[in-house]
Amino acid sequence: MEGSARYKVPGGKLVSIKLEYDTSIKKVMILGDFFIYPESALDEIEECLVATGVDKSETEIANKINYVVTSSGIRLIGVTPDAIAKAIKMAVK
């Protein structure tokens, strides 16, 4: 199946998700008008989400993203791991 969602972060930017999934995420694209440094780190975040079960909670997904962000020294501006997780859950509904 395919899903997509757009979520406006309160006080932040827009995050858009496009994904392919069945019981888990097969492919995900994170788009939006937020900033990420280094820019190549977006691939790292997307990769960490592949094989994540779509039954996982927003908190579990956000924790997975946050782990990659903090362990790799990634800077997110205008978006948070929680906002990305919320958009992912919106895309699989």
PDB file of N, CA and C in Angstrom:
ATOM      1  N   MET A   1       0.838  -1.180   0.000  1.00  0.00           N
ATOM      2  CA  MET A   1       0.000   0.000   0.000  1.00  0.00           C
ATOM      3  C   MET A   1       0.884   1.245   0.000  1.00  0.00           C
ATOM      4  N   GLU A   2       0.272   2.339  -0.375  1.00  0.00           N
ATOM      5  CA  GLU A   2       0.967   3.616  -0.361  1.00  0.00           C
ATOM      6  C   GLU A   2       0.194   4.586   0.513  1.00  0.00           C
ATOM      7  N   GLY A   3       0.920   5.488   1.143  1.00  0.00           N
ATOM      8  CA  GLY A   3       0.286   6.496   1.971  1.00  0.00           C
ATOM      9  C   GLY A   3       1.065   7.791   1.912  1.00  0.00           C
ATOM     10  N   SER A   4       0.375   8.861   2.208  1.00  0.00           N
ATOM     11  CA  SER A   4       1.040  10.157   2.279  1.00  0.00           C
ATOM     12  C   SER A   4       0.291  11.028   3.267  1.00  0.00           C
ATOM     13  N   ALA A   5       1.012  11.982   3.826  1.00  0.00           N
ATOM     14  CA  ALA A   5       0.411  12.913   4.778  1.00  0.00           C
ATOM     15  C   ALA A   5       1.254  14.171   4.835  1.00  0.00           C
ATOM     16  N   ARG A   6       0.587  15.246   5.203  1.00  0.00           N
ATOM     17  CA  ARG A   6       1.247  16.536   5.431  1.00  0.00           C
ATOM     18  C   ARG A   6       0.870  16.992   6.827  1.00  0.00           C
ATOM     19  N   TYR A   7       1.861  17.472   7.552  1.00  0.00           N
ATOM     20  CA  TYR A   7       1.614  17.929   8.922  1.00  0.00           C
ATOM     21  C   TYR A   7       2.367  19.227   9.150  1.00  0.00           C
ATOM     22  N   LYS A   8       1.641  20.238   9.605  1.00  0.00           N
ATOM     23  CA  LYS A   8       2.241  21.536   9.931  1.00  0.00           C
ATOM     24  C   LYS A   8       2.626  21.511  11.395  1.00  0.00           C
ATOM     25  N   VAL A   9       3.915  21.612  11.655  1.00  0.00           N
ATOM     26  CA  VAL A   9       4.426  21.603  13.020  1.00  0.00           C
ATOM     27  C   VAL A   9       4.004  22.904  13.703  1.00  0.00           C
ATOM     28  N   PRO A  10       3.343  22.831  14.870  1.00  0.00           N
ATOM     29  CA  PRO A  10       2.972  24.061  15.574  1.00  0.00           C
ATOM     30  C   PRO A  10       4.213  24.925  15.838  1.00  0.00           C
ATOM     31  N   GLY A  11       4.203  26.143  15.331  1.00  0.00           N
ATOM     32  CA  GLY A  11       5.338  27.044  15.489  1.00  0.00           C
ATOM     33  C   GLY A  11       6.534  26.655  14.637  1.00  0.00           C
ATOM     34  N   GLY A  12       6.342  25.713  13.725  1.00  0.00           N
ATOM     35  CA  GLY A  12       7.449  25.227  12.902  1.00  0.00           C
ATOM     36  C   GLY A  12       7.091  25.189  11.437  1.00  0.00           C
ATOM     37  N   LYS A  13       7.601  24.196  10.779  1.00  0.00           N
ATOM     38  CA  LYS A  13       7.474  24.071   9.336  1.00  0.00           C
ATOM     39  C   LYS A  13       6.553  22.911   8.949  1.00  0.00           C
ATOM     40  N   LEU A  14       6.400  22.732   7.656  1.00  0.00           N
ATOM     41  CA  LEU A  14       5.578  21.664   7.103  1.00  0.00           C
ATOM     42  C   LEU A  14       6.441  20.430   6.875  1.00  0.00           C
ATOM     43  N   VAL A  15       5.927  19.270   7.266  1.00  0.00           N
ATOM     44  CA  VAL A  15       6.595  18.002   6.968  1.00  0.00           C
ATOM     45  C   VAL A  15       5.621  17.151   6.168  1.00  0.00           C
ATOM     46  N   SER A  16       6.121  16.561   5.081  1.00  0.00           N
ATOM     47  CA  SER A  16       5.316  15.686   4.234  1.00  0.00           C
ATOM     48  C   SER A  16       5.961  14.308   4.216  1.00  0.00           C
ATOM     49  N   ILE A  17       5.125  13.294   4.248  1.00  0.00           N
ATOM     50  CA  ILE A  17       5.592  11.916   4.232  1.00  0.00           C
ATOM     51  C   ILE A  17       4.959  11.199   3.051  1.00  0.00           C
ATOM     52  N   LYS A  18       5.770  10.443   2.340  1.00  0.00           N
ATOM     53  CA  LYS A  18       5.284   9.519   1.319  1.00  0.00           C
ATOM     54  C   LYS A  18       5.888   8.174   1.667  1.00  0.00           C
ATOM     55  N   LEU A  19       5.050   7.145   1.725  1.00  0.00           N
ATOM     56  CA  LEU A  19       5.611   5.847   2.060  1.00  0.00           C
ATOM     57  C   LEU A  19       4.897   4.701   1.390  1.00  0.00           C
ATOM     58  N   GLU A  20       5.625   3.590   1.325  1.00  0.00           N
ATOM     59  CA  GLU A  20       5.089   2.314   0.873  1.00  0.00           C
ATOM     60  C   GLU A  20       5.178   1.390   2.068  1.00  0.00           C
ATOM     61  N   TYR A  21       4.105   0.633   2.311  1.00  0.00           N
ATOM     62  CA  TYR A  21       4.079  -0.215   3.492  1.00  0.00           C
ATOM     63  C   TYR A  21       3.122  -1.378   3.321  1.00  0.00           C
ATOM     64  N   ASP A  22       3.317  -2.386   4.157  1.00  0.00           N
ATOM     65  CA  ASP A  22       2.314  -3.416   4.387  1.00  0.00           C
ATOM     66  C   ASP A  22       2.199  -3.482   5.914  1.00  0.00           C
ATOM     67  N   THR A  23       2.751  -4.486   6.553  1.00  0.00           N
ATOM     68  CA  THR A  23       2.750  -4.479   8.020  1.00  0.00           C
ATOM     69  C   THR A  23       3.915  -3.666   8.569  1.00  0.00           C
ATOM     70  N   SER A  24       4.860  -3.345   7.684  1.00  0.00           N
ATOM     71  CA  SER A  24       5.989  -2.497   8.068  1.00  0.00           C
ATOM     72  C   SER A  24       6.291  -1.524   6.928  1.00  0.00           C
ATOM     73  N   ILE A  25       7.077  -0.532   7.241  1.00  0.00           N
ATOM     74  CA  ILE A  25       7.451   0.474   6.245  1.00  0.00           C
ATOM     75  C   ILE A  25       8.465  -0.147   5.282  1.00  0.00           C
ATOM     76  N   LYS A  26       8.172  -0.069   4.002  1.00  0.00           N
ATOM     77  CA  LYS A  26       9.062  -0.602   2.963  1.00  0.00           C
ATOM     78  C   LYS A  26       9.946   0.502   2.383  1.00  0.00           C
ATOM     79  N   LYS A  27       9.372   1.682   2.227  1.00  0.00           N
ATOM     80  CA  LYS A  27      10.101   2.826   1.670  1.00  0.00           C
ATOM     81  C   LYS A  27       9.460   4.088   2.227  1.00  0.00           C
ATOM     82  N   VAL A  28      10.277   5.064   2.575  1.00  0.00           N
ATOM     83  CA  VAL A  28       9.735   6.319   3.099  1.00  0.00           C
ATOM     84  C   VAL A  28      10.531   7.491   2.543  1.00  0.00           C
ATOM     85  N   MET A  29       9.799   8.557   2.225  1.00  0.00           N
ATOM     86  CA  MET A  29      10.406   9.822   1.814  1.00  0.00           C
ATOM     87  C   MET A  29       9.887  10.895   2.755  1.00  0.00           C
ATOM     88  N   ILE A  30      10.810  11.632   3.342  1.00  0.00           N
ATOM     89  CA  ILE A  30      10.465  12.736   4.231  1.00  0.00           C
ATOM     90  C   ILE A  30      10.789  14.021   3.481  1.00  0.00           C
ATOM     91  N   LEU A  31       9.777  14.847   3.308  1.00  0.00           N
ATOM     92  CA  LEU A  31       9.911  16.094   2.565  1.00  0.00           C
ATOM     93  C   LEU A  31       9.369  17.235   3.410  1.00  0.00           C
ATOM     94  N   GLY A  32       9.642  18.452   3.010  1.00  0.00           N
ATOM     95  CA  GLY A  32       9.048  19.586   3.706  1.00  0.00           C
ATOM     96  C   GLY A  32       9.897  20.831   3.584  1.00  0.00           C
ATOM     97  N   ASP A  33       9.472  21.876   4.285  1.00  0.00           N
ATOM     98  CA  ASP A  33      10.193  23.141   4.220  1.00  0.00           C
ATOM     99  C   ASP A  33      11.037  23.378   5.474  1.00  0.00           C
ATOM    100  N   PHE A  34      11.380  22.299   6.163  1.00  0.00           N
ATOM    101  CA  PHE A  34      12.250  22.371   7.336  1.00  0.00           C
ATOM    102  C   PHE A  34      13.711  22.270   6.891  1.00  0.00           C
ATOM    103  N   PHE A  35      14.617  22.411   7.844  1.00  0.00           N
ATOM    104  CA  PHE A  35      16.043  22.324   7.558  1.00  0.00           C
ATOM    105  C   PHE A  35      16.652  21.171   8.344  1.00  0.00           C
ATOM    106  N   ILE A  36      17.644  20.521   7.744  1.00  0.00           N
ATOM    107  CA  ILE A  36      18.360  19.432   8.391  1.00  0.00           C
ATOM    108  C   ILE A  36      19.840  19.563   8.030  1.00  0.00           C
ATOM    109  N   TYR A  37      20.684  19.435   9.034  1.00  0.00           N
ATOM    110  CA  TYR A  37      22.136  19.519   8.814  1.00  0.00           C
ATOM    111  C   TYR A  37      22.800  18.294   9.402  1.00  0.00           C
ATOM    112  N   PRO A  38      23.661  17.636   8.662  1.00  0.00           N
ATOM    113  CA  PRO A  38      23.900  17.855   7.234  1.00  0.00           C
ATOM    114  C   PRO A  38      22.705  17.372   6.415  1.00  0.00           C
ATOM    115  N   GLU A  39      22.544  17.916   5.226  1.00  0.00           N
ATOM    116  CA  GLU A  39      21.403  17.571   4.379  1.00  0.00           C
ATOM    117  C   GLU A  39      21.351  16.078   4.063  1.00  0.00           C
ATOM    118  N   SER A  40      22.506  15.459   3.945  1.00  0.00           N
ATOM    119  CA  SER A  40      22.567  14.020   3.639  1.00  0.00           C
ATOM    120  C   SER A  40      22.012  13.164   4.776  1.00  0.00           C
ATOM    121  N   ALA A  41      21.842  13.740   5.952  1.00  0.00           N
ATOM    122  CA  ALA A  41      21.338  12.994   7.107  1.00  0.00           C
ATOM    123  C   ALA A  41      19.886  12.564   6.935  1.00  0.00           C
ATOM    124  N   LEU A  42      19.167  13.198   6.036  1.00  0.00           N
ATOM    125  CA  LEU A  42      17.776  12.800   5.792  1.00  0.00           C
ATOM    126  C   LEU A  42      17.715  11.346   5.318  1.00  0.00           C
ATOM    127  N   ASP A  43      18.684  10.950   4.503  1.00  0.00           N
ATOM    128  CA  ASP A  43      18.746   9.549   4.053  1.00  0.00           C
ATOM    129  C   ASP A  43      18.910   8.608   5.248  1.00  0.00           C
ATOM    130  N   GLU A  44      19.720   9.009   6.197  1.00  0.00           N
ATOM    131  CA  GLU A  44      19.968   8.189   7.386  1.00  0.00           C
ATOM    132  C   GLU A  44      18.685   8.006   8.202  1.00  0.00           C
ATOM    133  N   ILE A  45      17.912   9.073   8.343  1.00  0.00           N
ATOM    134  CA  ILE A  45      16.649   8.995   9.080  1.00  0.00           C
ATOM    135  C   ILE A  45      15.670   8.097   8.330  1.00  0.00           C
ATOM    136  N   GLU A  46      15.563   8.281   7.020  1.00  0.00           N
ATOM    137  CA  GLU A  46      14.657   7.447   6.220  1.00  0.00           C
ATOM    138  C   GLU A  46      15.045   5.971   6.317  1.00  0.00           C
ATOM    139  N   GLU A  47      16.339   5.682   6.257  1.00  0.00           N
ATOM    140  CA  GLU A  47      16.809   4.296   6.344  1.00  0.00           C
ATOM    141  C   GLU A  47      16.455   3.659   7.687  1.00  0.00           C
ATOM    142  N   CYS A  48      16.538   4.433   8.768  1.00  0.00           N
ATOM    143  CA  CYS A  48      16.242   3.871  10.090  1.00  0.00           C
ATOM    144  C   CYS A  48      14.774   3.483  10.227  1.00  0.00           C
ATOM    145  N   LEU A  49      13.926   4.053   9.390  1.00  0.00           N
ATOM    146  CA  LEU A  49      12.490   3.784   9.475  1.00  0.00           C
ATOM    147  C   LEU A  49      12.044   2.563   8.666  1.00  0.00           C
ATOM    148  N   VAL A  50      12.856   2.143   7.696  1.00  0.00           N
ATOM    149  CA  VAL A  50      12.518   0.976   6.896  1.00  0.00           C
ATOM    150  C   VAL A  50      12.469  -0.246   7.811  1.00  0.00           C
ATOM    151  N   ALA A  51      11.435  -1.049   7.645  1.00  0.00           N
ATOM    152  CA  ALA A  51      11.158  -2.263   8.434  1.00  0.00           C
ATOM    153  C   ALA A  51      10.514  -1.961   9.786  1.00  0.00           C
ATOM    154  N   THR A  52      10.220  -0.698  10.065  1.00  0.00           N
ATOM    155  CA  THR A  52       9.490  -0.350  11.282  1.00  0.00           C
ATOM    156  C   THR A  52       8.031  -0.755  11.103  1.00  0.00           C
ATOM    157  N   GLY A  53       7.491  -1.467  12.053  1.00  0.00           N
ATOM    158  CA  GLY A  53       6.099  -1.893  11.984  1.00  0.00           C
ATOM    159  C   GLY A  53       5.153  -0.711  12.014  1.00  0.00           C
ATOM    160  N   VAL A  54       4.138  -0.740  11.156  1.00  0.00           N
ATOM    161  CA  VAL A  54       3.184   0.360  11.122  1.00  0.00           C
ATOM    162  C   VAL A  54       2.283   0.357  12.359  1.00  0.00           C
ATOM    163  N   ASP A  55       2.354  -0.725  13.157  1.00  0.00           N
ATOM    164  CA  ASP A  55       1.590  -0.776  14.398  1.00  0.00           C
ATOM    165  C   ASP A  55       2.315  -0.093  15.557  1.00  0.00           C
ATOM    166  N   LYS A  56       3.544   0.361  15.339  1.00  0.00           N
ATOM    167  CA  LYS A  56       4.292   1.049  16.389  1.00  0.00           C
ATOM    168  C   LYS A  56       3.616   2.376  16.706  1.00  0.00           C
ATOM    169  N   SER A  57       3.743   2.796  17.951  1.00  0.00           N
ATOM    170  CA  SER A  57       3.145   4.067  18.369  1.00  0.00           C
ATOM    171  C   SER A  57       3.971   5.242  17.867  1.00  0.00           C
ATOM    172  N   GLU A  58       3.368   6.420  17.889  1.00  0.00           N
ATOM    173  CA  GLU A  58       4.099   7.639  17.528  1.00  0.00           C
ATOM    174  C   GLU A  58       5.344   7.779  18.392  1.00  0.00           C
ATOM    175  N   THR A  59       5.211   7.488  19.667  1.00  0.00           N
ATOM    176  CA  THR A  59       6.340   7.612  20.594  1.00  0.00           C
ATOM    177  C   THR A  59       7.468   6.662  20.216  1.00  0.00           C
ATOM    178  N   GLU A  60       7.136   5.428  19.869  1.00  0.00           N
ATOM    179  CA  GLU A  60       8.165   4.462  19.482  1.00  0.00           C
ATOM    180  C   GLU A  60       8.878   4.895  18.207  1.00  0.00           C
ATOM    181  N   ILE A  61       8.129   5.410  17.254  1.00  0.00           N
ATOM    182  CA  ILE A  61       8.729   5.882  16.000  1.00  0.00           C
ATOM    183  C   ILE A  61       9.595   7.112  16.271  1.00  0.00           C
ATOM    184  N   ALA A  62       9.086   8.041  17.064  1.00  0.00           N
ATOM    185  CA  ALA A  62       9.849   9.252  17.402  1.00  0.00           C
ATOM    186  C   ALA A  62      11.139   8.888  18.132  1.00  0.00           C
ATOM    187  N   ASN A  63      11.090   7.906  19.035  1.00  0.00           N
ATOM    188  CA  ASN A  63      12.289   7.480  19.757  1.00  0.00           C
ATOM    189  C   ASN A  63      13.336   6.924  18.804  1.00  0.00           C
ATOM    190  N   LYS A  64      12.893   6.178  17.800  1.00  0.00           N
ATOM    191  CA  LYS A  64      13.803   5.614  16.806  1.00  0.00           C
ATOM    192  C   LYS A  64      14.487   6.737  16.018  1.00  0.00           C
ATOM    193  N   ILE A  65      13.704   7.736  15.607  1.00  0.00           N
ATOM    194  CA  ILE A  65      14.245   8.880  14.873  1.00  0.00           C
ATOM    195  C   ILE A  65      15.190   9.666  15.772  1.00  0.00           C
ATOM    196  N   ASN A  66      14.763   9.906  17.007  1.00  0.00           N
ATOM    197  CA  ASN A  66      15.572  10.687  17.945  1.00  0.00           C
ATOM    198  C   ASN A  66      16.922  10.022  18.205  1.00  0.00           C
ATOM    199  N   TYR A  67      16.934   8.692  18.273  1.00  0.00           N
ATOM    200  CA  TYR A  67      18.191   7.974  18.485  1.00  0.00           C
ATOM    201  C   TYR A  67      19.177   8.273  17.353  1.00  0.00           C
ATOM    202  N   VAL A  68      18.706   8.208  16.120  1.00  0.00           N
ATOM    203  CA  VAL A  68      19.567   8.489  14.968  1.00  0.00           C
ATOM    204  C   VAL A  68      20.022   9.943  14.985  1.00  0.00           C
ATOM    205  N   VAL A  69      19.112  10.851  15.282  1.00  0.00           N
ATOM    206  CA  VAL A  69      19.435  12.277  15.306  1.00  0.00           C
ATOM    207  C   VAL A  69      20.519  12.566  16.342  1.00  0.00           C
ATOM    208  N   THR A  70      20.339  12.063  17.556  1.00  0.00           N
ATOM    209  CA  THR A  70      21.303  12.369  18.616  1.00  0.00           C
ATOM    210  C   THR A  70      22.622  11.621  18.430  1.00  0.00           C
ATOM    211  N   SER A  71      22.567  10.371  18.024  1.00  0.00           N
ATOM    212  CA  SER A  71      23.807   9.598  17.884  1.00  0.00           C
ATOM    213  C   SER A  71      24.654  10.055  16.694  1.00  0.00           C
ATOM    214  N   SER A  72      24.019  10.672  15.708  1.00  0.00           N
ATOM    215  CA  SER A  72      24.749  11.127  14.519  1.00  0.00           C
ATOM    216  C   SER A  72      25.013  12.630  14.529  1.00  0.00           C
ATOM    217  N   GLY A  73      24.556  13.328  15.554  1.00  0.00           N
ATOM    218  CA  GLY A  73      24.775  14.771  15.628  1.00  0.00           C
ATOM    219  C   GLY A  73      24.012  15.557  14.583  1.00  0.00           C
ATOM    220  N   ILE A  74      22.845  15.061  14.215  1.00  0.00           N
ATOM    221  CA  ILE A  74      22.006  15.718  13.205  1.00  0.00           C
ATOM    222  C   ILE A  74      21.264  16.878  13.848  1.00  0.00           C
ATOM    223  N   ARG A  75      21.167  17.988  13.123  1.00  0.00           N
ATOM    224  CA  ARG A  75      20.391  19.138  13.589  1.00  0.00           C
ATOM    225  C   ARG A  75      19.127  19.260  12.763  1.00  0.00           C
ATOM    226  N   LEU A  76      17.987  19.282  13.444  1.00  0.00           N
ATOM    227  CA  LEU A  76      16.692  19.500  12.801  1.00  0.00           C
ATOM    228  C   LEU A  76      16.224  20.898  13.175  1.00  0.00           C
ATOM    229  N   ILE A  77      15.815  21.678  12.184  1.00  0.00           N
ATOM    230  CA  ILE A  77      15.329  23.037  12.427  1.00  0.00           C
ATOM    231  C   ILE A  77      13.951  23.163  11.796  1.00  0.00           C
ATOM    232  N   GLY A  78      12.950  23.455  12.631  1.00  0.00           N
ATOM    233  CA  GLY A  78      11.588  23.615  12.141  1.00  0.00           C
ATOM    234  C   GLY A  78      10.781  22.334  12.157  1.00  0.00           C
ATOM    235  N   VAL A  79      11.379  21.236  12.594  1.00  0.00           N
ATOM    236  CA  VAL A  79      10.690  19.953  12.681  1.00  0.00           C
ATOM    237  C   VAL A  79      11.326  19.158  13.820  1.00  0.00           C
ATOM    238  N   THR A  80      10.563  18.237  14.371  1.00  0.00           N
ATOM    239  CA  THR A  80      11.049  17.401  15.461  1.00  0.00           C
ATOM    240  C   THR A  80      10.824  15.928  15.120  1.00  0.00           C
ATOM    241  N   PRO A  81      11.513  15.021  15.806  1.00  0.00           N
ATOM    242  CA  PRO A  81      11.218  13.603  15.615  1.00  0.00           C
ATOM    243  C   PRO A  81       9.746  13.281  15.886  1.00  0.00           C
ATOM    244  N   ASP A  82       9.146  13.948  16.868  1.00  0.00           N
ATOM    245  CA  ASP A  82       7.725  13.734  17.177  1.00  0.00           C
ATOM    246  C   ASP A  82       6.835  14.118  15.995  1.00  0.00           C
ATOM    247  N   ALA A  83       7.160  15.232  15.333  1.00  0.00           N
ATOM    248  CA  ALA A  83       6.356  15.688  14.198  1.00  0.00           C
ATOM    249  C   ALA A  83       6.482  14.722  13.014  1.00  0.00           C
ATOM    250  N   ILE A  84       7.681  14.215  12.774  1.00  0.00           N
ATOM    251  CA  ILE A  84       7.877  13.247  11.697  1.00  0.00           C
ATOM    252  C   ILE A  84       7.084  11.979  12.002  1.00  0.00           C
ATOM    253  N   ALA A  85       7.158  11.530  13.260  1.00  0.00           N
ATOM    254  CA  ALA A  85       6.414  10.326  13.665  1.00  0.00           C
ATOM    255  C   ALA A  85       4.914  10.537  13.508  1.00  0.00           C
ATOM    256  N   LYS A  86       4.415  11.707  13.870  1.00  0.00           N
ATOM    257  CA  LYS A  86       2.986  11.993  13.727  1.00  0.00           C
ATOM    258  C   LYS A  86       2.567  11.924  12.262  1.00  0.00           C
ATOM    259  N   ALA A  87       3.380  12.507  11.375  1.00  0.00           N
ATOM    260  CA  ALA A  87       3.067  12.482   9.945  1.00  0.00           C
ATOM    261  C   ALA A  87       3.093  11.051   9.401  1.00  0.00           C
ATOM    262  N   ILE A  88       4.024  10.230   9.890  1.00  0.00           N
ATOM    263  CA  ILE A  88       4.085   8.832   9.457  1.00  0.00           C
ATOM    264  C   ILE A  88       2.803   8.105   9.861  1.00  0.00           C
ATOM    265  N   LYS A  89       2.374   8.280  11.108  1.00  0.00           N
ATOM    266  CA  LYS A  89       1.144   7.629  11.554  1.00  0.00           C
ATOM    267  C   LYS A  89      -0.062   8.121  10.765  1.00  0.00           C
ATOM    268  N   MET A  90      -0.082   9.391  10.395  1.00  0.00           N
ATOM    269  CA  MET A  90      -1.175   9.929   9.583  1.00  0.00           C
ATOM    270  C   MET A  90      -1.166   9.271   8.198  1.00  0.00           C
ATOM    271  N   ALA A  91       0.020   8.986   7.679  1.00  0.00           N
ATOM    272  CA  ALA A  91       0.136   8.428   6.325  1.00  0.00           C
ATOM    273  C   ALA A  91      -0.307   6.979   6.244  1.00  0.00           C
ATOM    274  N   VAL A  92      -0.302   6.247   7.349  1.00  0.00           N
ATOM    275  CA  VAL A  92      -0.688   4.840   7.294  1.00  0.00           C
ATOM    276  C   VAL A  92      -2.138   4.611   7.708  1.00  0.00           C
ATOM    277  N   LYS A  93      -2.877   5.661   7.971  1.00  0.00           N
ATOM    278  CA  LYS A  93      -4.284   5.513   8.354  1.00  0.00           C
ATOM    279  C   LYS A  93      -5.168   5.446   7.145  1.00  0.00           C
TER     280      LYS A  93
END
